[in-house]
Protein backbone atom coordinates (compact mmCIF):
# COMPACT_ATOMS: atom_id res chain seq x y z
CA MET A 1 -28.28 -30.52 -10.82
CA GLY A 2 -26.37 -29.62 -13.64
CA VAL A 3 -26.42 -29.69 -17.47
CA GLY A 4 -23.37 -31.01 -19.14
CA ARG A 5 -20.16 -29.56 -17.53
CA TYR A 6 -21.85 -26.54 -16.04
CA ARG A 7 -23.00 -26.66 -12.55
CA ASP A 8 -25.94 -24.63 -11.04
CA ILE A 9 -25.43 -23.46 -7.54
CA GLU A 10 -28.49 -23.81 -5.63
CA VAL A 11 -28.56 -21.88 -2.68
CA ALA A 12 -31.80 -23.69 -1.26
CA ASP A 13 -29.94 -26.75 -1.26
CA MET A 14 -26.94 -25.48 0.74
CA PRO A 15 -26.35 -25.47 4.40
CA PRO A 16 -27.76 -22.64 6.04
CA VAL A 17 -24.29 -21.70 7.59
CA LEU A 18 -22.67 -22.11 4.01
CA ALA A 19 -25.44 -19.93 2.46
CA GLY A 20 -25.06 -17.22 4.97
CA VAL A 21 -21.12 -17.18 4.84
CA LEU A 22 -21.84 -16.89 0.93
CA GLY A 23 -24.24 -14.28 1.37
CA VAL A 24 -22.05 -12.14 3.66
CA LEU A 25 -18.97 -12.68 1.24
CA LEU A 26 -21.01 -11.42 -1.57
CA LEU A 27 -22.41 -8.56 0.33
CA GLY A 28 -18.78 -7.70 1.55
CA LEU A 29 -17.65 -7.71 -2.13
CA PHE A 30 -20.40 -5.79 -3.27
CA CYS A 31 -19.74 -2.98 -0.47
CA GLY A 32 -15.99 -3.21 -1.06
CA LEU A 33 -16.71 -2.41 -4.90
CA ILE A 34 -19.02 0.54 -4.23
CA TRP A 35 -16.40 2.06 -1.66
CA TYR A 36 -13.78 1.74 -4.04
CA LEU A 37 -15.77 3.35 -6.86
CA THR A 38 -16.70 6.33 -4.47
CA ARG A 39 -13.23 6.71 -3.37
CA LEU A 40 -11.90 6.77 -7.11
CA ASP A 41 -11.25 10.27 -8.15
CA HIS A 42 -12.55 10.92 -11.75
CA THR A 43 -11.55 14.33 -11.99
CA LYS A 44 -7.76 14.13 -11.23
CA LEU A 45 -5.67 15.28 -14.33
CA ARG A 46 -2.72 12.80 -15.15
CA ASP A 47 -1.17 14.92 -17.79
CA PRO A 48 1.33 17.30 -16.18
CA ARG A 49 0.62 19.92 -18.93
CA ALA A 50 -3.26 19.62 -18.37
CA ARG A 51 -2.64 20.01 -14.63
CA ALA A 52 -0.67 23.07 -15.06
CA ARG A 53 -3.14 24.54 -17.55
CA ALA A 54 -5.86 23.92 -14.94
CA GLU A 55 -3.86 25.64 -12.32
CA ARG A 56 -3.26 28.62 -14.74
CA GLY A 57 -6.96 28.97 -15.36
CA LYS A 58 -7.87 28.53 -11.67
CA LYS A 59 -5.50 31.44 -10.90
CA SER A 60 -6.86 33.59 -13.86
CA ARG A 61 -10.35 33.16 -12.74
CA ARG A 62 -9.59 34.02 -8.94
CA ARG A 63 -7.69 37.32 -10.39
CA GLN A 64 -10.57 38.20 -12.31
CA GLN A 65 -13.16 37.53 -9.51
CA GLU A 66 -10.78 39.90 -7.43
CA LEU A 67 -10.83 42.62 -9.72
CA ARG A 68 -14.59 42.42 -10.40
CA ALA A 69 -14.95 42.70 -6.70
CA ARG A 70 -12.72 45.73 -6.48
CA ARG A 71 -14.51 47.28 -9.49
CA GLU A 72 -17.87 46.92 -8.06
CA SER A 73 -16.58 48.25 -4.76
CA LEU A 74 -15.14 51.41 -6.39
CA GLN A 75 -18.61 51.80 -8.41
CA ARG A 76 -20.48 51.65 -4.98
CA ARG A 77 -18.24 54.12 -3.27
CA ASP A 78 -18.52 56.45 -6.18
CA SER A 79 -22.25 56.24 -6.21
CA ARG A 80 -22.32 56.92 -2.52
CA ARG A 81 -20.23 59.90 -2.96
CA ARG A 82 -22.47 61.13 -5.55
CA ASP A 83 -25.50 60.73 -3.62
CA ASP A 84 -24.02 62.54 -0.55
CA ALA A 85 -23.00 65.49 -2.82
């Protein structure tokens, strides 16, 4: 069964109920580990200064996008006026 002080666990030698329980426990452990890893937020910034810097960058990008959209809108309006005239 074992060599020295190490013991091999032979699932084939276990009673079917015990093997089933062991299988269900291992499957539950594996599913719990996968669930935990998928719920873990790897992108969350821990440092308050980094979080503030990211927030400022997000606001800046939003502001630039709004300005770009306004500029394009004014250019379209101007080109329509030139086409009509």
